[in-house]
Amino acid sequence: MAASGGSDAKAFEAAFISEVFHSLSQPLTALHCTLDLALQRDQTLEQLRASVQTALDSAERLRQRLLLVRALNDAAMPSAALEPTDLGQVLRELHEDMSPLFEAGGRRFELDLRCSHLLTVRADKLRLTRALFVFVEYLFRYLPQDAQLSIGLDKSDSGQAEIRVASASSLPVSPAEAGSGENRSCELELLRRTVAASGGDFVLLEHTSARSVWLAGLPLV
């Protein structure tokens, strides 16, 4: 069993590294091709401006992916900033920041805080807030018009704080990932590592044609 577990871990790591490389290579290739074509062709000033804008857009996408890779590396490192963190406050701030984006995009973002009392965990608040923001923004990009994303917070029977993220439509998860509960995208891996650093788990709980549900469980202080 140990050998099988090690093999699965290696396969996951290889697939994840491949995904990281792919996410970086796309904007880099677009940037290279745009600049190369701009040099080879005789262009009007307007066409040149359009080429430069396309190159800038590709460069910005590359910059954002590199920042994400750096955040991934940071999330894997031990943090000296673990402190009691009110998850309800973190989620309220996330909802306040992200709601305008959802409304402008014709989507809904709902927050359900079922517990009337504080749910406090020991976490690096800055890292956790950033990871949740990146995760929700990632899901937003794939949600169709009029779709809903909801985040709930509750206390489990085992005494953990549980963050449940559910989409009212199926989001892109491969059958292999759905079967194992693993996700290989950089955005989801960032949240998994951040939650793991606080002694918790982040898994794909449900994936059907109608919806996708993720669950993050964190030990209460």
N, C-alpha and C. Protein backbone atom coordinates (compact mmCIF):
# COMPACT_ATOMS: atom_id res chain seq x y z
N MET A 1 0.82 -1.21 0.00
CA MET A 1 0.00 0.00 0.00
C MET A 1 0.85 1.25 0.00
N ALA A 2 1.97 1.22 0.74
CA ALA A 2 2.84 2.39 0.81
C ALA A 2 3.41 2.71 -0.56
N ALA A 3 3.80 1.63 -1.29
CA ALA A 3 4.37 1.83 -2.62
C ALA A 3 3.34 2.44 -3.54
N SER A 4 2.08 1.98 -3.42
CA SER A 4 1.02 2.52 -4.26
C SER A 4 0.77 3.99 -3.94
N GLY A 5 0.79 4.32 -2.65
CA GLY A 5 0.60 5.70 -2.25
C GLY A 5 1.69 6.59 -2.78
N GLY A 6 2.95 6.09 -2.74
CA GLY A 6 4.06 6.87 -3.27
C GLY A 6 3.95 7.06 -4.76
N SER A 7 3.49 6.01 -5.45
CA SER A 7 3.31 6.10 -6.90
C SER A 7 2.24 7.11 -7.26
N ASP A 8 1.12 7.11 -6.50
CA ASP A 8 0.05 8.08 -6.74
C ASP A 8 0.53 9.51 -6.51
N ALA A 9 1.33 9.69 -5.46
CA ALA A 9 1.85 11.02 -5.15
C ALA A 9 2.77 11.51 -6.27
N LYS A 10 3.61 10.61 -6.79
CA LYS A 10 4.51 10.99 -7.87
C LYS A 10 3.73 11.32 -9.13
N ALA A 11 2.70 10.54 -9.41
CA ALA A 11 1.87 10.79 -10.60
C ALA A 11 1.17 12.13 -10.47
N PHE A 12 0.67 12.43 -9.28
CA PHE A 12 0.00 13.71 -9.05
C PHE A 12 0.99 14.85 -9.25
N GLU A 13 2.20 14.72 -8.68
CA GLU A 13 3.19 15.78 -8.78
C GLU A 13 3.59 16.01 -10.24
N ALA A 14 3.76 14.92 -10.99
CA ALA A 14 4.13 15.05 -12.40
C ALA A 14 3.02 15.76 -13.19
N ALA A 15 1.76 15.38 -12.93
CA ALA A 15 0.64 16.00 -13.63
C ALA A 15 0.51 17.47 -13.25
N PHE A 16 0.77 17.77 -11.98
CA PHE A 16 0.66 19.15 -11.54
C PHE A 16 1.75 20.02 -12.15
N ILE A 17 2.98 19.52 -12.19
CA ILE A 17 4.08 20.27 -12.81
C ILE A 17 3.78 20.51 -14.28
N SER A 18 3.19 19.50 -14.94
CA SER A 18 2.82 19.66 -16.35
C SER A 18 1.77 20.75 -16.51
N GLU A 19 0.81 20.81 -15.58
CA GLU A 19 -0.23 21.84 -15.64
C GLU A 19 0.36 23.23 -15.44
N VAL A 20 1.32 23.34 -14.50
CA VAL A 20 1.98 24.63 -14.26
C VAL A 20 2.72 25.08 -15.52
N PHE A 21 3.46 24.15 -16.13
CA PHE A 21 4.21 24.48 -17.35
C PHE A 21 3.27 24.92 -18.46
N HIS A 22 2.15 24.22 -18.59
CA HIS A 22 1.18 24.55 -19.64
C HIS A 22 0.59 25.94 -19.41
N SER A 23 0.25 26.26 -18.15
CA SER A 23 -0.36 27.55 -17.85
C SER A 23 0.61 28.70 -18.08
N LEU A 24 1.91 28.44 -17.97
CA LEU A 24 2.90 29.48 -18.22
C LEU A 24 3.25 29.59 -19.70
N SER A 25 3.25 28.46 -20.39
CA SER A 25 3.69 28.45 -21.78
C SER A 25 2.70 29.13 -22.72
N GLN A 26 1.41 29.09 -22.40
CA GLN A 26 0.41 29.70 -23.28
C GLN A 26 0.61 31.21 -23.46
N PRO A 27 0.63 32.00 -22.37
CA PRO A 27 0.84 33.44 -22.58
C PRO A 27 2.22 33.77 -23.10
N LEU A 28 3.23 32.95 -22.75
CA LEU A 28 4.58 33.20 -23.23
C LEU A 28 4.65 32.97 -24.75
N THR A 29 4.01 31.91 -25.23
CA THR A 29 3.98 31.63 -26.67
C THR A 29 3.23 32.73 -27.42
N ALA A 30 2.10 33.17 -26.86
CA ALA A 30 1.33 34.24 -27.49
C ALA A 30 2.14 35.53 -27.56
N LEU A 31 2.88 35.82 -26.50
CA LEU A 31 3.71 37.02 -26.47
C LEU A 31 4.80 36.94 -27.54
N HIS A 32 5.45 35.80 -27.64
CA HIS A 32 6.53 35.62 -28.62
C HIS A 32 5.99 35.74 -30.04
N CYS A 33 4.88 35.08 -30.33
CA CYS A 33 4.32 35.11 -31.69
C CYS A 33 3.87 36.52 -32.09
N THR A 34 3.24 37.22 -31.15
CA THR A 34 2.77 38.57 -31.45
C THR A 34 3.93 39.50 -31.79
N LEU A 35 4.99 39.45 -31.00
CA LEU A 35 6.14 40.32 -31.24
C LEU A 35 6.87 39.92 -32.52
N ASP A 36 6.96 38.62 -32.76
CA ASP A 36 7.64 38.14 -33.96
C ASP A 36 6.91 38.61 -35.21
N LEU A 37 5.58 38.48 -35.23
CA LEU A 37 4.79 38.91 -36.39
C LEU A 37 4.85 40.43 -36.56
N ALA A 38 4.88 41.16 -35.45
CA ALA A 38 4.94 42.62 -35.52
C ALA A 38 6.23 43.08 -36.18
N LEU A 39 7.32 42.35 -35.98
CA LEU A 39 8.61 42.71 -36.58
C LEU A 39 8.67 42.33 -38.05
N GLN A 40 7.98 41.25 -38.43
CA GLN A 40 8.09 40.75 -39.80
C GLN A 40 7.18 41.49 -40.78
N ARG A 41 6.08 42.04 -40.31
CA ARG A 41 5.09 42.63 -41.19
C ARG A 41 5.22 44.15 -41.26
N ASP A 42 4.88 44.68 -42.43
CA ASP A 42 4.73 46.13 -42.57
C ASP A 42 3.35 46.50 -42.04
N GLN A 43 3.31 47.30 -41.01
CA GLN A 43 2.04 47.60 -40.36
C GLN A 43 1.80 49.11 -40.30
N THR A 44 0.53 49.45 -40.33
CA THR A 44 0.17 50.84 -40.07
C THR A 44 0.34 51.09 -38.57
N LEU A 45 0.31 52.36 -38.19
CA LEU A 45 0.45 52.70 -36.78
C LEU A 45 -0.66 52.07 -35.95
N GLU A 46 -1.87 52.05 -36.49
CA GLU A 46 -3.00 51.45 -35.77
C GLU A 46 -2.81 49.95 -35.58
N GLN A 47 -2.32 49.27 -36.61
CA GLN A 47 -2.06 47.83 -36.52
C GLN A 47 -0.94 47.55 -35.52
N LEU A 48 0.09 48.41 -35.53
CA LEU A 48 1.19 48.24 -34.59
C LEU A 48 0.71 48.41 -33.15
N ARG A 49 -0.15 49.40 -32.95
CA ARG A 49 -0.71 49.60 -31.61
C ARG A 49 -1.49 48.38 -31.15
N ALA A 50 -2.25 47.79 -32.06
CA ALA A 50 -3.02 46.59 -31.72
C ALA A 50 -2.10 45.43 -31.36
N SER A 51 -1.00 45.29 -32.11
CA SER A 51 -0.03 44.23 -31.82
C SER A 51 0.61 44.44 -30.46
N VAL A 52 0.97 45.68 -30.17
CA VAL A 52 1.58 45.98 -28.87
C VAL A 52 0.60 45.70 -27.74
N GLN A 53 -0.67 46.05 -27.94
CA GLN A 53 -1.68 45.80 -26.91
C GLN A 53 -1.85 44.30 -26.67
N THR A 54 -1.85 43.52 -27.74
CA THR A 54 -1.96 42.07 -27.61
C THR A 54 -0.76 41.52 -26.84
N ALA A 55 0.44 42.05 -27.16
CA ALA A 55 1.64 41.62 -26.46
C ALA A 55 1.57 41.98 -24.98
N LEU A 56 1.06 43.17 -24.68
CA LEU A 56 0.92 43.60 -23.28
C LEU A 56 -0.06 42.70 -22.53
N ASP A 57 -1.15 42.34 -23.19
CA ASP A 57 -2.14 41.45 -22.56
C ASP A 57 -1.51 40.09 -22.24
N SER A 58 -0.73 39.57 -23.18
CA SER A 58 -0.06 38.28 -22.96
C SER A 58 0.95 38.39 -21.84
N ALA A 59 1.69 39.50 -21.81
CA ALA A 59 2.68 39.72 -20.75
C ALA A 59 2.00 39.79 -19.38
N GLU A 60 0.82 40.43 -19.32
CA GLU A 60 0.10 40.52 -18.05
C GLU A 60 -0.39 39.16 -17.59
N ARG A 61 -0.88 38.34 -18.54
CA ARG A 61 -1.31 36.99 -18.17
C ARG A 61 -0.14 36.18 -17.65
N LEU A 62 1.02 36.33 -18.28
CA LEU A 62 2.21 35.62 -17.83
C LEU A 62 2.61 36.10 -16.44
N ARG A 63 2.55 37.40 -16.21
CA ARG A 63 2.91 37.96 -14.90
C ARG A 63 2.00 37.39 -13.81
N GLN A 64 0.70 37.32 -14.10
CA GLN A 64 -0.24 36.81 -13.12
C GLN A 64 0.02 35.33 -12.81
N ARG A 65 0.35 34.56 -13.83
CA ARG A 65 0.64 33.14 -13.60
C ARG A 65 1.92 32.97 -12.78
N LEU A 66 2.92 33.81 -13.05
CA LEU A 66 4.16 33.73 -12.28
C LEU A 66 3.92 34.11 -10.82
N LEU A 67 3.08 35.10 -10.59
CA LEU A 67 2.73 35.47 -9.22
C LEU A 67 2.03 34.31 -8.51
N LEU A 68 1.18 33.60 -9.27
CA LEU A 68 0.48 32.46 -8.69
C LEU A 68 1.46 31.34 -8.34
N VAL A 69 2.43 31.08 -9.22
CA VAL A 69 3.43 30.05 -8.94
C VAL A 69 4.24 30.43 -7.70
N ARG A 70 4.56 31.71 -7.56
CA ARG A 70 5.28 32.16 -6.37
C ARG A 70 4.43 31.94 -5.12
N ALA A 71 3.14 32.26 -5.21
CA ALA A 71 2.25 32.05 -4.07
C ALA A 71 2.16 30.56 -3.72
N LEU A 72 2.16 29.71 -4.75
CA LEU A 72 2.15 28.27 -4.51
C LEU A 72 3.39 27.83 -3.73
N ASN A 73 4.53 28.36 -4.12
CA ASN A 73 5.77 28.02 -3.41
C ASN A 73 5.71 28.52 -1.97
N ASP A 74 5.22 29.74 -1.77
CA ASP A 74 5.10 30.28 -0.42
C ASP A 74 4.16 29.43 0.44
N ALA A 75 3.05 28.96 -0.17
CA ALA A 75 2.07 28.17 0.58
C ALA A 75 2.63 26.85 1.06
N ALA A 76 3.63 26.34 0.33
CA ALA A 76 4.24 25.07 0.72
C ALA A 76 5.27 25.25 1.82
N MET A 77 5.66 26.49 2.12
CA MET A 77 6.66 26.77 3.15
C MET A 77 5.97 27.00 4.48
N PRO A 78 6.62 26.59 5.59
CA PRO A 78 6.04 26.85 6.92
C PRO A 78 5.88 28.36 7.14
N SER A 79 4.78 28.74 7.76
CA SER A 79 4.52 30.15 8.02
C SER A 79 4.74 30.47 9.49
N ALA A 80 5.38 31.61 9.73
CA ALA A 80 5.60 32.07 11.11
C ALA A 80 4.45 32.95 11.56
N ALA A 81 3.46 33.13 10.69
CA ALA A 81 2.37 34.08 10.98
C ALA A 81 1.06 33.37 11.31
N LEU A 82 1.12 32.12 11.77
CA LEU A 82 -0.11 31.42 12.15
C LEU A 82 -0.69 32.07 13.40
N GLU A 83 -1.94 32.47 13.32
CA GLU A 83 -2.58 33.15 14.43
C GLU A 83 -4.06 32.84 14.43
N PRO A 84 -4.74 33.01 15.57
CA PRO A 84 -6.18 32.77 15.60
C PRO A 84 -6.89 33.65 14.57
N THR A 85 -7.66 33.02 13.70
CA THR A 85 -8.30 33.72 12.58
C THR A 85 -9.79 33.42 12.56
N ASP A 86 -10.60 34.44 12.53
CA ASP A 86 -12.05 34.31 12.45
C ASP A 86 -12.44 34.03 11.00
N LEU A 87 -12.86 32.80 10.73
CA LEU A 87 -13.18 32.44 9.35
C LEU A 87 -14.40 33.21 8.83
N GLY A 88 -15.34 33.49 9.70
CA GLY A 88 -16.50 34.26 9.28
C GLY A 88 -16.11 35.62 8.75
N GLN A 89 -15.18 36.27 9.42
CA GLN A 89 -14.71 37.58 8.96
C GLN A 89 -14.00 37.47 7.63
N VAL A 90 -13.16 36.45 7.48
CA VAL A 90 -12.45 36.24 6.22
C VAL A 90 -13.44 36.08 5.06
N LEU A 91 -14.48 35.28 5.28
CA LEU A 91 -15.44 35.03 4.21
C LEU A 91 -16.32 36.25 3.93
N ARG A 92 -16.65 37.00 4.96
CA ARG A 92 -17.43 38.23 4.72
C ARG A 92 -16.63 39.23 3.89
N GLU A 93 -15.35 39.37 4.18
CA GLU A 93 -14.51 40.28 3.41
C GLU A 93 -14.36 39.79 1.97
N LEU A 94 -14.22 38.47 1.80
CA LEU A 94 -14.13 37.89 0.46
C LEU A 94 -15.41 38.17 -0.33
N HIS A 95 -16.54 37.96 0.31
CA HIS A 95 -17.84 38.18 -0.35
C HIS A 95 -18.01 39.64 -0.74
N GLU A 96 -17.61 40.54 0.14
CA GLU A 96 -17.73 41.97 -0.14
C GLU A 96 -16.84 42.38 -1.32
N ASP A 97 -15.64 41.81 -1.39
CA ASP A 97 -14.71 42.16 -2.47
C ASP A 97 -15.13 41.57 -3.81
N MET A 98 -15.67 40.35 -3.79
CA MET A 98 -15.94 39.64 -5.04
C MET A 98 -17.35 39.85 -5.60
N SER A 99 -18.29 40.25 -4.76
CA SER A 99 -19.68 40.40 -5.22
C SER A 99 -19.82 41.34 -6.41
N PRO A 100 -19.13 42.51 -6.43
CA PRO A 100 -19.26 43.38 -7.61
C PRO A 100 -18.82 42.71 -8.91
N LEU A 101 -17.79 41.88 -8.84
CA LEU A 101 -17.34 41.17 -10.04
C LEU A 101 -18.42 40.21 -10.54
N PHE A 102 -19.04 39.48 -9.61
CA PHE A 102 -20.08 38.53 -9.99
C PHE A 102 -21.29 39.27 -10.56
N GLU A 103 -21.69 40.36 -9.93
CA GLU A 103 -22.85 41.11 -10.41
C GLU A 103 -22.61 41.68 -11.80
N ALA A 104 -21.41 42.20 -12.02
CA ALA A 104 -21.08 42.76 -13.33
C ALA A 104 -21.04 41.67 -14.40
N GLY A 105 -20.71 40.46 -14.00
CA GLY A 105 -20.63 39.35 -14.96
C GLY A 105 -21.91 38.56 -15.09
N GLY A 106 -23.00 39.04 -14.48
CA GLY A 106 -24.28 38.34 -14.60
C GLY A 106 -24.34 37.04 -13.85
N ARG A 107 -23.58 36.94 -12.76
CA ARG A 107 -23.56 35.74 -11.94
C ARG A 107 -23.91 36.11 -10.50
N ARG A 108 -24.20 35.10 -9.68
CA ARG A 108 -24.57 35.35 -8.29
C ARG A 108 -23.55 34.71 -7.35
N PHE A 109 -23.28 35.42 -6.27
CA PHE A 109 -22.32 34.94 -5.27
C PHE A 109 -22.98 35.10 -3.91
N GLU A 110 -23.33 33.97 -3.27
CA GLU A 110 -24.04 34.01 -2.01
C GLU A 110 -23.17 33.49 -0.87
N LEU A 111 -23.40 34.06 0.31
CA LEU A 111 -22.65 33.68 1.51
C LEU A 111 -23.63 33.20 2.57
N ASP A 112 -23.35 32.02 3.15
CA ASP A 112 -24.23 31.43 4.15
C ASP A 112 -23.40 31.11 5.40
N LEU A 113 -23.50 31.96 6.41
CA LEU A 113 -22.80 31.74 7.68
C LEU A 113 -23.80 31.20 8.68
N ARG A 114 -23.85 29.88 8.81
CA ARG A 114 -24.89 29.25 9.63
C ARG A 114 -24.62 29.38 11.12
N CYS A 115 -23.34 29.43 11.49
CA CYS A 115 -23.01 29.51 12.91
C CYS A 115 -23.17 30.93 13.42
N SER A 116 -23.84 31.07 14.54
CA SER A 116 -24.01 32.40 15.12
C SER A 116 -22.80 32.80 15.96
N HIS A 117 -21.93 31.84 16.29
CA HIS A 117 -20.75 32.14 17.09
C HIS A 117 -19.49 32.07 16.23
N LEU A 118 -18.39 32.57 16.76
CA LEU A 118 -17.14 32.61 16.02
C LEU A 118 -16.61 31.21 15.76
N LEU A 119 -16.08 31.02 14.58
CA LEU A 119 -15.34 29.80 14.26
C LEU A 119 -13.89 30.23 14.01
N THR A 120 -13.05 29.97 14.99
CA THR A 120 -11.67 30.47 14.95
C THR A 120 -10.71 29.32 14.69
N VAL A 121 -9.83 29.51 13.72
CA VAL A 121 -8.80 28.52 13.39
C VAL A 121 -7.43 29.20 13.48
N ARG A 122 -6.39 28.39 13.54
CA ARG A 122 -5.04 28.95 13.54
C ARG A 122 -4.52 28.91 12.10
N ALA A 123 -4.32 30.09 11.51
CA ALA A 123 -3.95 30.15 10.10
C ALA A 123 -3.14 31.41 9.83
N ASP A 124 -2.49 31.41 8.68
CA ASP A 124 -1.87 32.63 8.16
C ASP A 124 -2.99 33.36 7.42
N LYS A 125 -3.56 34.38 8.05
CA LYS A 125 -4.76 35.02 7.50
C LYS A 125 -4.51 35.59 6.11
N LEU A 126 -3.35 36.22 5.91
CA LEU A 126 -3.06 36.82 4.61
C LEU A 126 -3.02 35.77 3.52
N ARG A 127 -2.32 34.66 3.78
CA ARG A 127 -2.24 33.58 2.78
C ARG A 127 -3.61 32.96 2.52
N LEU A 128 -4.37 32.73 3.60
CA LEU A 128 -5.68 32.11 3.44
C LEU A 128 -6.62 33.01 2.65
N THR A 129 -6.62 34.30 2.96
CA THR A 129 -7.47 35.24 2.23
C THR A 129 -7.10 35.27 0.75
N ARG A 130 -5.80 35.31 0.47
CA ARG A 130 -5.34 35.35 -0.92
C ARG A 130 -5.73 34.07 -1.66
N ALA A 131 -5.55 32.91 -1.01
CA ALA A 131 -5.86 31.65 -1.65
C ALA A 131 -7.35 31.53 -1.95
N LEU A 132 -8.20 31.97 -1.03
CA LEU A 132 -9.64 31.93 -1.27
C LEU A 132 -10.04 32.87 -2.39
N PHE A 133 -9.42 34.05 -2.43
CA PHE A 133 -9.71 35.02 -3.49
C PHE A 133 -9.36 34.43 -4.85
N VAL A 134 -8.17 33.84 -4.97
CA VAL A 134 -7.72 33.24 -6.24
C VAL A 134 -8.65 32.10 -6.65
N PHE A 135 -9.07 31.29 -5.68
CA PHE A 135 -9.95 30.16 -5.94
C PHE A 135 -11.31 30.62 -6.46
N VAL A 136 -11.92 31.60 -5.78
CA VAL A 136 -13.24 32.10 -6.20
C VAL A 136 -13.15 32.78 -7.57
N GLU A 137 -12.08 33.54 -7.80
CA GLU A 137 -11.91 34.18 -9.11
C GLU A 137 -11.76 33.14 -10.21
N TYR A 138 -11.07 32.05 -9.91
CA TYR A 138 -10.91 30.95 -10.87
C TYR A 138 -12.28 30.34 -11.21
N LEU A 139 -13.10 30.08 -10.19
CA LEU A 139 -14.42 29.50 -10.44
C LEU A 139 -15.30 30.47 -11.22
N PHE A 140 -15.18 31.76 -10.92
CA PHE A 140 -15.96 32.77 -11.64
C PHE A 140 -15.72 32.70 -13.14
N ARG A 141 -14.48 32.48 -13.53
CA ARG A 141 -14.15 32.47 -14.96
C ARG A 141 -14.87 31.36 -15.72
N TYR A 142 -15.22 30.27 -15.03
CA TYR A 142 -15.85 29.14 -15.70
C TYR A 142 -17.36 29.07 -15.50
N LEU A 143 -17.89 29.90 -14.62
CA LEU A 143 -19.33 29.86 -14.39
C LEU A 143 -20.07 30.48 -15.58
N PRO A 144 -21.12 29.84 -16.08
CA PRO A 144 -21.92 30.44 -17.16
C PRO A 144 -22.76 31.60 -16.63
N GLN A 145 -23.33 32.36 -17.54
CA GLN A 145 -24.22 33.46 -17.17
C GLN A 145 -25.37 32.94 -16.32
N ASP A 146 -25.76 33.76 -15.33
CA ASP A 146 -26.89 33.46 -14.43
C ASP A 146 -26.60 32.31 -13.47
N ALA A 147 -25.39 31.78 -13.46
CA ALA A 147 -25.05 30.70 -12.54
C ALA A 147 -24.75 31.27 -11.15
N GLN A 148 -24.81 30.40 -10.15
CA GLN A 148 -24.62 30.84 -8.77
C GLN A 148 -23.46 30.09 -8.13
N LEU A 149 -22.68 30.82 -7.38
CA LEU A 149 -21.65 30.24 -6.53
C LEU A 149 -21.99 30.59 -5.10
N SER A 150 -21.94 29.60 -4.22
CA SER A 150 -22.25 29.86 -2.81
C SER A 150 -21.13 29.34 -1.93
N ILE A 151 -20.87 30.08 -0.85
CA ILE A 151 -19.91 29.66 0.15
C ILE A 151 -20.61 29.63 1.50
N GLY A 152 -20.50 28.49 2.18
CA GLY A 152 -21.10 28.35 3.49
C GLY A 152 -20.04 28.01 4.53
N LEU A 153 -20.31 28.39 5.76
CA LEU A 153 -19.41 28.10 6.87
C LEU A 153 -20.21 27.50 8.01
N ASP A 154 -19.75 26.37 8.52
CA ASP A 154 -20.46 25.70 9.59
C ASP A 154 -19.46 24.90 10.42
N LYS A 155 -19.94 24.39 11.54
CA LYS A 155 -19.13 23.54 12.41
C LYS A 155 -19.53 22.09 12.21
N SER A 156 -18.56 21.23 11.95
CA SER A 156 -18.86 19.83 11.69
C SER A 156 -19.06 19.07 12.99
N ASP A 157 -19.60 17.85 12.89
CA ASP A 157 -19.81 17.00 14.06
C ASP A 157 -18.47 16.61 14.71
N SER A 158 -17.41 16.62 13.90
CA SER A 158 -16.09 16.25 14.43
C SER A 158 -15.36 17.44 15.06
N GLY A 159 -16.02 18.61 15.08
CA GLY A 159 -15.41 19.77 15.72
C GLY A 159 -14.52 20.59 14.83
N GLN A 160 -14.66 20.45 13.51
CA GLN A 160 -13.90 21.26 12.58
C GLN A 160 -14.76 22.41 12.05
N ALA A 161 -14.08 23.46 11.61
CA ALA A 161 -14.76 24.51 10.85
C ALA A 161 -14.75 24.07 9.39
N GLU A 162 -15.90 24.11 8.74
CA GLU A 162 -16.01 23.64 7.36
C GLU A 162 -16.45 24.76 6.43
N ILE A 163 -15.64 25.00 5.43
CA ILE A 163 -16.00 25.94 4.36
C ILE A 163 -16.46 25.11 3.17
N ARG A 164 -17.71 25.30 2.78
CA ARG A 164 -18.27 24.53 1.66
C ARG A 164 -18.52 25.48 0.49
N VAL A 165 -17.90 25.18 -0.64
CA VAL A 165 -18.05 25.99 -1.85
C VAL A 165 -18.81 25.17 -2.89
N ALA A 166 -19.94 25.70 -3.34
CA ALA A 166 -20.78 24.95 -4.29
C ALA A 166 -21.16 25.82 -5.46
N SER A 167 -21.06 25.25 -6.66
CA SER A 167 -21.51 25.93 -7.87
C SER A 167 -22.79 25.29 -8.34
N ALA A 168 -23.69 26.12 -8.87
CA ALA A 168 -24.98 25.62 -9.36
C ALA A 168 -24.87 25.09 -10.78
N SER A 169 -23.65 24.88 -11.23
CA SER A 169 -23.43 24.24 -12.54
C SER A 169 -22.12 23.48 -12.44
N SER A 170 -21.96 22.48 -13.28
CA SER A 170 -20.75 21.69 -13.25
C SER A 170 -19.57 22.51 -13.78
N LEU A 171 -18.47 22.46 -13.06
CA LEU A 171 -17.27 23.17 -13.47
C LEU A 171 -16.25 22.18 -14.03
N PRO A 172 -15.28 22.65 -14.82
CA PRO A 172 -14.36 21.72 -15.50
C PRO A 172 -13.44 20.97 -14.55
N VAL A 173 -13.79 19.72 -14.28
CA VAL A 173 -12.96 18.82 -13.50
C VAL A 173 -12.91 17.51 -14.26
N SER A 174 -11.73 16.97 -14.45
CA SER A 174 -11.61 15.75 -15.24
C SER A 174 -12.19 14.57 -14.46
N PRO A 175 -12.63 13.50 -15.15
CA PRO A 175 -13.16 12.32 -14.44
C PRO A 175 -12.17 11.74 -13.44
N ALA A 176 -10.88 11.75 -13.78
CA ALA A 176 -9.88 11.20 -12.86
C ALA A 176 -9.82 12.03 -11.58
N GLU A 177 -9.88 13.33 -11.72
CA GLU A 177 -9.84 14.21 -10.57
C GLU A 177 -11.11 14.06 -9.74
N ALA A 178 -12.25 13.94 -10.43
CA ALA A 178 -13.51 13.79 -9.72
C ALA A 178 -13.53 12.49 -8.93
N GLY A 179 -12.93 11.44 -9.49
CA GLY A 179 -12.91 10.16 -8.80
C GLY A 179 -12.00 10.14 -7.59
N SER A 180 -10.92 10.90 -7.63
CA SER A 180 -9.95 10.86 -6.54
C SER A 180 -10.12 12.01 -5.54
N GLY A 181 -10.94 12.99 -5.93
CA GLY A 181 -11.08 14.16 -5.07
C GLY A 181 -9.92 15.12 -5.19
N GLU A 182 -9.03 14.90 -6.15
CA GLU A 182 -7.87 15.77 -6.33
C GLU A 182 -8.13 16.78 -7.45
N ASN A 183 -7.47 17.91 -7.34
CA ASN A 183 -7.55 18.93 -8.38
C ASN A 183 -6.15 19.40 -8.69
N ARG A 184 -5.82 19.50 -9.97
CA ARG A 184 -4.45 19.80 -10.34
C ARG A 184 -4.25 21.23 -10.82
N SER A 185 -5.29 22.04 -10.86
CA SER A 185 -5.09 23.41 -11.30
C SER A 185 -4.30 24.17 -10.25
N CYS A 186 -3.56 25.17 -10.70
CA CYS A 186 -2.74 25.97 -9.78
C CYS A 186 -3.61 26.65 -8.73
N GLU A 187 -4.77 27.16 -9.15
CA GLU A 187 -5.63 27.89 -8.23
C GLU A 187 -6.13 27.00 -7.09
N LEU A 188 -6.56 25.79 -7.43
CA LEU A 188 -7.07 24.89 -6.41
C LEU A 188 -5.94 24.32 -5.57
N GLU A 189 -4.80 24.10 -6.18
CA GLU A 189 -3.65 23.60 -5.44
C GLU A 189 -3.17 24.63 -4.42
N LEU A 190 -3.27 25.91 -4.76
CA LEU A 190 -2.88 26.96 -3.83
C LEU A 190 -3.73 26.89 -2.57
N LEU A 191 -5.05 26.75 -2.72
CA LEU A 191 -5.92 26.68 -1.56
C LEU A 191 -5.67 25.38 -0.79
N ARG A 192 -5.44 24.27 -1.48
CA ARG A 192 -5.18 23.00 -0.79
C ARG A 192 -3.94 23.12 0.09
N ARG A 193 -2.86 23.69 -0.45
CA ARG A 193 -1.63 23.82 0.32
C ARG A 193 -1.80 24.78 1.49
N THR A 194 -2.55 25.85 1.28
CA THR A 194 -2.75 26.83 2.33
C THR A 194 -3.55 26.23 3.48
N VAL A 195 -4.60 25.47 3.15
CA VAL A 195 -5.41 24.81 4.17
C VAL A 195 -4.59 23.74 4.88
N ALA A 196 -3.78 22.99 4.13
CA ALA A 196 -2.95 21.94 4.72
C ALA A 196 -1.95 22.51 5.71
N ALA A 197 -1.46 23.73 5.44
CA ALA A 197 -0.50 24.37 6.34
C ALA A 197 -1.12 24.67 7.70
N SER A 198 -2.45 24.72 7.76
CA SER A 198 -3.15 24.93 9.03
C SER A 198 -3.70 23.63 9.60
N GLY A 199 -3.24 22.50 9.04
CA GLY A 199 -3.66 21.20 9.54
C GLY A 199 -5.00 20.71 9.03
N GLY A 200 -5.47 21.31 7.92
CA GLY A 200 -6.77 20.93 7.39
C GLY A 200 -6.70 20.19 6.07
N ASP A 201 -7.87 19.94 5.51
CA ASP A 201 -8.00 19.23 4.24
C ASP A 201 -8.88 20.03 3.28
N PHE A 202 -8.57 19.93 2.00
CA PHE A 202 -9.37 20.57 0.96
C PHE A 202 -9.62 19.54 -0.13
N VAL A 203 -10.89 19.17 -0.34
CA VAL A 203 -11.21 18.09 -1.27
C VAL A 203 -12.39 18.46 -2.16
N LEU A 204 -12.45 17.80 -3.29
CA LEU A 204 -13.63 17.87 -4.14
C LEU A 204 -14.64 16.88 -3.58
N LEU A 205 -15.74 17.39 -3.05
CA LEU A 205 -16.71 16.55 -2.35
C LEU A 205 -17.73 15.94 -3.28
N GLU A 206 -18.13 16.69 -4.31
CA GLU A 206 -19.18 16.23 -5.23
C GLU A 206 -18.95 16.84 -6.60
N HIS A 207 -19.16 16.02 -7.63
CA HIS A 207 -19.03 16.54 -8.99
C HIS A 207 -20.01 15.80 -9.88
N THR A 208 -21.06 16.50 -10.30
CA THR A 208 -22.08 15.93 -11.18
C THR A 208 -22.31 16.89 -12.34
N SER A 209 -23.22 16.51 -13.21
CA SER A 209 -23.55 17.39 -14.34
C SER A 209 -24.28 18.64 -13.87
N ALA A 210 -24.80 18.61 -12.64
CA ALA A 210 -25.58 19.74 -12.14
C ALA A 210 -24.78 20.69 -11.26
N ARG A 211 -23.75 20.18 -10.56
CA ARG A 211 -23.00 21.06 -9.67
C ARG A 211 -21.68 20.45 -9.26
N SER A 212 -20.83 21.30 -8.71
CA SER A 212 -19.55 20.88 -8.14
C SER A 212 -19.45 21.45 -6.74
N VAL A 213 -18.94 20.64 -5.80
CA VAL A 213 -18.85 21.07 -4.40
C VAL A 213 -17.46 20.75 -3.86
N TRP A 214 -16.83 21.77 -3.26
CA TRP A 214 -15.55 21.59 -2.60
C TRP A 214 -15.72 21.83 -1.10
N LEU A 215 -14.92 21.13 -0.29
CA LEU A 215 -15.01 21.27 1.15
C LEU A 215 -13.62 21.47 1.74
N ALA A 216 -13.48 22.54 2.53
CA ALA A 216 -12.24 22.78 3.27
C ALA A 216 -12.54 22.64 4.75
N GLY A 217 -11.86 21.71 5.40
CA GLY A 217 -12.04 21.51 6.84
C GLY A 217 -10.81 21.96 7.58
N LEU A 218 -11.01 22.79 8.60
CA LEU A 218 -9.89 23.34 9.37
C LEU A 218 -10.13 23.11 10.86
N PRO A 219 -9.10 22.65 11.60
CA PRO A 219 -9.27 22.42 13.04
C PRO A 219 -9.56 23.73 13.77
N LEU A 220 -10.53 23.70 14.67
CA LEU A 220 -10.83 24.88 15.46
C LEU A 220 -9.78 25.07 16.56
N VAL A 221 -9.56 26.32 16.92
CA VAL A 221 -8.63 26.63 18.00
C VAL A 221 -9.27 26.23 19.33
